[in-house]
Amino acid sequence: YTINTAMPTWSSIVPQDVTVYSNNPVTMEQLKTRGFGFLGWGLVSPTDGTSKDAVRVKIAPHPFAEGELRLARYSQLITKGSTPHVLKEFKVKGERIHTFERYLRQIEVSTIAAYLASEYNKQRYSHCKRIRFLKSHAVEVASGRRGKRYYNLERMLPSGSKFIKFSNNVGYWDEEEFDETLAHFTKYTYKVTGGYMMVVDLQGVKTDKEFILTDPVLHCKDIDRFGSTNMGEKGMDRCLKSLRAFIAE
């Protein structure tokens, strides 16, 4: 792949018909429910129900950025107008990596993080900013003869804002960019779920009123959920230990 940071000439790109999958809303009771069932494409958890819609999307031919795990492409969602979005795909090649299930797991993580952020905002300290996670979707695109390609779809972060990686999933916090709002949020997610899960790896942009975040990671007691970045209870213990250096118990 070749990284091209320039915005594509959208008038030269033909829109594609795609299927977009969205995660259904979750409840606190679902977050605390352990165990799986079996439905259609494989193992399902209490928080990964989805709905789907047919839409049209323009996709940039080259990614404009890359992270540790994924590439990001500019895209436009064609509805009544054109809205700027980002499509994300895993960097590592191979059918075992680019499975539909793996992209569905990504939107489950984002949905849970967004729900916990909305609950946190209701009881946050008055001097702390609001926290909002971008809503993520899974996208299925026809590719070649009967082939399919998958992405995650999100709205673009606000332009002109500095992208910051505030923390990671092993207890690191950027001390220069540290804000207690985010530290209290991570601690809150652990406490409100009874120590069952924790939202970590906080990254995105900061505005005057809120943090707008993307690509969170979930640590969870159930190590079979949420992919390889879920470090389970050991990960949560490590992150809690690092938080003690920044905020009071």
Protein backbone atom coordinates (compact mmCIF):
# COMPACT_ATOMS: atom_id res chain seq x y z
CA TYR A 1 0.00 0.00 0.00
CA THR A 2 1.01 3.63 -0.52
CA ILE A 3 0.13 6.41 1.93
CA ASN A 4 -1.33 9.48 0.21
CA THR A 5 -2.38 12.27 2.56
CA ALA A 6 -4.04 14.35 -0.16
CA MET A 7 -7.83 14.47 -0.30
CA PRO A 8 -8.93 12.65 -3.48
CA THR A 9 -10.81 14.30 -6.32
CA TRP A 10 -14.23 12.94 -5.45
CA SER A 11 -15.79 13.81 -8.80
CA SER A 12 -13.53 11.21 -10.44
CA ILE A 13 -14.44 8.39 -8.04
CA VAL A 14 -17.46 6.20 -8.75
CA PRO A 15 -19.69 5.47 -5.71
CA GLN A 16 -20.10 1.84 -4.70
CA ASP A 17 -23.13 0.06 -3.31
CA VAL A 18 -22.26 -1.29 0.13
CA THR A 19 -23.95 -2.83 3.15
CA VAL A 20 -23.42 -1.00 6.43
CA TYR A 21 -23.87 -2.82 9.74
CA SER A 22 -24.54 -0.89 12.94
CA ASN A 23 -24.40 -2.19 16.50
CA ASN A 24 -27.66 -2.04 18.44
CA PRO A 25 -27.79 0.03 21.66
CA VAL A 26 -26.60 -1.71 24.82
CA THR A 27 -27.57 -1.59 28.49
CA MET A 28 -25.57 -1.84 31.69
CA GLU A 29 -27.12 -5.23 32.37
CA GLN A 30 -25.81 -6.53 29.03
CA LEU A 31 -22.31 -5.28 29.79
CA LYS A 32 -22.20 -7.36 32.95
CA THR A 33 -23.60 -10.50 31.31
CA ARG A 34 -21.01 -13.14 30.57
CA GLY A 35 -21.32 -15.98 28.12
CA PHE A 36 -22.01 -16.55 24.43
CA GLY A 37 -24.57 -18.10 22.15
CA PHE A 38 -24.29 -19.24 18.53
CA LEU A 39 -26.03 -17.39 15.72
CA GLY A 40 -25.38 -17.54 11.99
CA TRP A 41 -21.82 -16.29 11.54
CA GLY A 42 -20.46 -17.58 14.85
CA LEU A 43 -20.20 -16.91 18.56
CA VAL A 44 -22.17 -13.91 19.75
CA SER A 45 -22.10 -12.00 23.02
CA PRO A 46 -24.89 -10.05 24.75
CA THR A 47 -23.78 -6.74 23.21
CA ASP A 48 -23.14 -7.45 19.54
CA GLY A 49 -26.60 -7.43 17.95
CA THR A 50 -26.57 -5.58 14.64
CA SER A 51 -28.86 -3.96 12.08
CA LYS A 52 -27.97 -3.26 8.44
CA ASP A 53 -28.67 -0.74 5.67
CA ALA A 54 -27.79 -0.45 1.98
CA VAL A 55 -25.96 2.79 1.14
CA ARG A 56 -23.55 4.24 -1.43
CA VAL A 57 -19.98 5.17 -0.57
CA LYS A 58 -17.04 6.71 -2.43
CA ILE A 59 -13.72 5.19 -1.35
CA ALA A 60 -10.28 6.77 -1.78
CA PRO A 61 -7.89 4.52 -3.73
CA HIS A 62 -5.07 4.90 -1.19
CA PRO A 63 -4.93 5.18 2.62
CA PHE A 64 -4.03 8.58 4.07
CA ALA A 65 -2.75 7.33 7.44
CA GLU A 66 -1.76 4.20 9.33
CA GLY A 67 -1.79 3.15 12.94
CA GLU A 68 -0.31 0.14 14.68
CA LEU A 69 -3.04 -2.18 13.42
CA ARG A 70 -5.07 -0.43 10.72
CA LEU A 71 -5.00 1.78 7.65
CA ALA A 72 -7.36 4.72 7.20
CA ARG A 73 -8.90 5.90 3.90
CA TYR A 74 -10.92 8.98 3.11
CA SER A 75 -14.48 8.20 2.07
CA GLN A 76 -17.77 9.92 1.38
CA LEU A 77 -21.12 8.57 2.44
CA ILE A 78 -23.67 9.42 -0.27
CA THR A 79 -27.06 10.17 1.28
CA LYS A 80 -29.01 13.38 0.57
CA GLY A 81 -25.59 14.98 0.19
CA SER A 82 -22.02 13.80 0.74
CA THR A 83 -20.63 13.53 4.26
CA PRO A 84 -16.92 12.98 4.99
CA HIS A 85 -16.09 9.67 6.62
CA VAL A 86 -13.10 7.44 7.21
CA LEU A 87 -12.82 3.76 6.29
CA LYS A 88 -10.44 1.63 8.36
CA GLU A 89 -9.01 -1.78 7.46
CA PHE A 90 -6.53 -4.09 9.16
CA LYS A 91 -2.98 -3.83 7.84
CA VAL A 92 -1.99 -7.48 8.12
CA LYS A 93 -2.94 -9.49 5.06
CA GLY A 94 -4.75 -12.82 5.17
CA GLU A 95 -8.30 -14.13 5.29
CA ARG A 96 -8.06 -14.92 9.02
CA ILE A 97 -7.44 -11.24 9.76
CA HIS A 98 -9.96 -9.69 7.37
CA THR A 99 -13.02 -11.58 8.54
CA PHE A 100 -16.46 -10.05 8.85
CA GLU A 101 -16.55 -11.14 12.49
CA ARG A 102 -13.42 -9.15 13.32
CA TYR A 103 -14.90 -5.95 11.91
CA LEU A 104 -18.11 -6.59 13.84
CA ARG A 105 -16.07 -6.93 17.03
CA GLN A 106 -14.63 -3.48 16.38
CA ILE A 107 -18.06 -1.86 16.27
CA GLU A 108 -19.09 -3.73 19.42
CA VAL A 109 -16.12 -2.24 21.28
CA SER A 110 -16.96 1.27 20.03
CA THR A 111 -20.63 0.90 20.98
CA ILE A 112 -19.78 -0.18 24.52
CA ALA A 113 -17.24 2.62 24.95
CA ALA A 114 -19.77 5.18 23.64
CA TYR A 115 -22.45 3.93 26.04
CA LEU A 116 -20.12 4.08 29.04
CA ALA A 117 -19.04 7.59 28.01
CA SER A 118 -22.66 8.75 27.87
CA GLU A 119 -23.25 7.36 31.37
CA TYR A 120 -20.04 8.94 32.66
CA ASN A 121 -21.07 12.33 31.26
CA LYS A 122 -24.19 12.29 33.44
CA GLN A 123 -22.18 12.17 36.67
CA ARG A 124 -18.76 13.61 35.74
CA TYR A 125 -17.15 16.30 37.86
CA SER A 126 -18.32 19.77 36.84
CA HIS A 127 -14.81 20.87 35.84
CA CYS A 128 -14.33 17.85 33.55
CA LYS A 129 -15.14 17.89 29.84
CA ARG A 130 -17.66 15.61 28.16
CA ILE A 131 -16.40 12.49 26.38
CA ARG A 132 -17.78 11.24 23.08
CA PHE A 133 -16.72 8.27 20.96
CA LEU A 134 -17.26 8.24 17.22
CA LYS A 135 -19.92 5.74 16.20
CA SER A 136 -18.36 2.89 14.23
CA HIS A 137 -19.97 0.68 11.58
CA ALA A 138 -18.90 -2.41 9.67
CA VAL A 139 -18.99 -2.12 5.88
CA GLU A 140 -19.24 -4.97 3.37
CA VAL A 141 -18.12 -4.20 -0.19
CA ALA A 142 -18.33 -6.50 -3.21
CA SER A 143 -14.80 -7.18 -4.48
CA GLY A 144 -13.96 -9.15 -7.60
CA ARG A 145 -15.85 -12.27 -8.62
CA ARG A 146 -18.11 -13.08 -5.67
CA GLY A 147 -15.49 -11.71 -3.28
CA LYS A 148 -16.10 -9.35 -0.39
CA ARG A 149 -14.02 -6.75 1.35
CA TYR A 150 -14.65 -5.32 4.80
CA TYR A 151 -13.97 -2.02 6.55
CA ASN A 152 -14.98 -0.08 9.62
CA LEU A 153 -16.68 3.25 8.88
CA GLU A 154 -16.64 6.40 11.05
CA ARG A 155 -17.25 10.09 10.60
CA MET A 156 -14.10 12.15 10.28
CA LEU A 157 -12.71 13.81 13.37
CA PRO A 158 -13.02 17.63 13.37
CA SER A 159 -10.56 19.15 10.92
CA GLY A 160 -7.85 21.41 12.25
CA SER A 161 -7.66 19.64 15.63
CA LYS A 162 -4.50 17.89 16.82
CA PHE A 163 -4.83 14.11 17.05
CA ILE A 164 -3.53 12.91 20.42
CA LYS A 165 -2.92 9.45 21.84
CA PHE A 166 -3.70 10.14 25.50
CA SER A 167 -3.18 6.60 26.81
CA ASN A 168 -2.67 3.01 25.69
CA ASN A 169 -3.81 -0.40 26.92
CA VAL A 170 -0.85 -1.17 29.18
CA GLY A 171 -1.07 1.79 31.55
CA TYR A 172 0.82 4.50 29.67
CA TRP A 173 -0.44 8.10 29.83
CA ASP A 174 1.04 10.99 27.85
CA GLU A 175 1.99 13.27 30.75
CA GLU A 176 2.17 16.37 28.56
CA GLU A 177 -1.39 15.83 27.34
CA PHE A 178 -2.79 14.33 30.53
CA ASP A 179 -6.29 15.43 31.52
CA GLU A 180 -8.01 14.06 34.62
CA THR A 181 -11.29 13.83 32.69
CA LEU A 182 -9.96 10.82 30.81
CA ALA A 183 -8.34 9.23 33.83
CA HIS A 184 -11.57 9.48 35.82
CA PHE A 185 -13.44 7.98 32.86
CA THR A 186 -11.19 4.93 32.62
CA LYS A 187 -11.52 4.36 36.36
CA TYR A 188 -15.29 4.88 36.16
CA THR A 189 -15.71 2.18 33.48
CA TYR A 190 -14.03 -0.33 35.78
CA LYS A 191 -16.10 0.59 38.83
CA VAL A 192 -19.49 0.89 37.15
CA THR A 193 -19.17 -2.57 35.56
CA GLY A 194 -18.17 -4.14 38.86
CA GLY A 195 -14.61 -4.73 37.70
CA TYR A 196 -15.80 -6.65 34.64
CA MET A 197 -14.35 -4.35 31.98
CA MET A 198 -12.40 -1.15 31.42
CA VAL A 199 -12.13 1.29 28.48
CA VAL A 200 -8.49 2.10 27.68
CA ASP A 201 -6.30 3.25 24.77
CA LEU A 202 -7.89 6.69 24.60
CA GLN A 203 -7.08 8.72 21.48
CA GLY A 204 -8.67 11.47 19.45
CA VAL A 205 -9.04 15.25 19.68
CA LYS A 206 -9.83 17.78 22.39
CA THR A 207 -12.16 20.74 21.88
CA ASP A 208 -13.25 23.48 24.26
CA LYS A 209 -16.20 21.41 25.49
CA GLU A 210 -15.40 17.75 24.90
CA PHE A 211 -13.05 14.95 23.98
CA ILE A 212 -13.95 13.19 20.71
CA LEU A 213 -12.34 9.76 20.73
CA THR A 214 -11.89 6.83 18.37
CA ASP A 215 -10.49 3.27 18.31
CA PRO A 216 -10.80 2.41 22.03
CA VAL A 217 -9.71 -0.90 23.55
CA LEU A 218 -11.66 -2.93 26.10
CA HIS A 219 -10.02 -4.98 28.81
CA CYS A 220 -12.47 -7.57 30.13
CA LYS A 221 -12.52 -10.44 32.60
CA ASP A 222 -13.83 -12.59 29.76
CA ILE A 223 -10.58 -12.91 27.82
CA ASP A 224 -12.37 -14.48 24.83
CA ARG A 225 -14.12 -11.18 24.02
CA PHE A 226 -12.86 -8.10 22.14
CA GLY A 227 -9.82 -9.54 20.39
CA SER A 228 -6.10 -9.71 21.09
CA THR A 229 -5.85 -6.23 22.66
CA ASN A 230 -8.03 -7.41 25.58
CA MET A 231 -5.46 -8.19 28.28
CA GLY A 232 -8.08 -9.27 30.82
CA GLU A 233 -7.72 -8.74 34.55
CA LYS A 234 -3.93 -8.35 34.31
CA GLY A 235 -4.41 -5.47 31.90
CA MET A 236 -6.99 -3.81 34.14
CA ASP A 237 -4.75 -4.20 37.20
CA ARG A 238 -1.85 -2.63 35.35
CA CYS A 239 -3.94 0.32 34.18
CA LEU A 240 -5.40 0.87 37.65
CA LYS A 241 -1.91 0.90 39.13
CA SER A 242 -0.77 3.59 36.69
CA LEU A 243 -3.87 5.69 37.40
CA ARG A 244 -2.90 5.97 41.07
CA ALA A 245 0.04 8.15 40.02
CA PHE A 246 -2.34 10.69 38.48
CA ILE A 247 -5.61 10.72 40.44
CA ALA A 248 -6.65 9.95 44.02
CA GLU A 249 -8.46 6.76 44.94
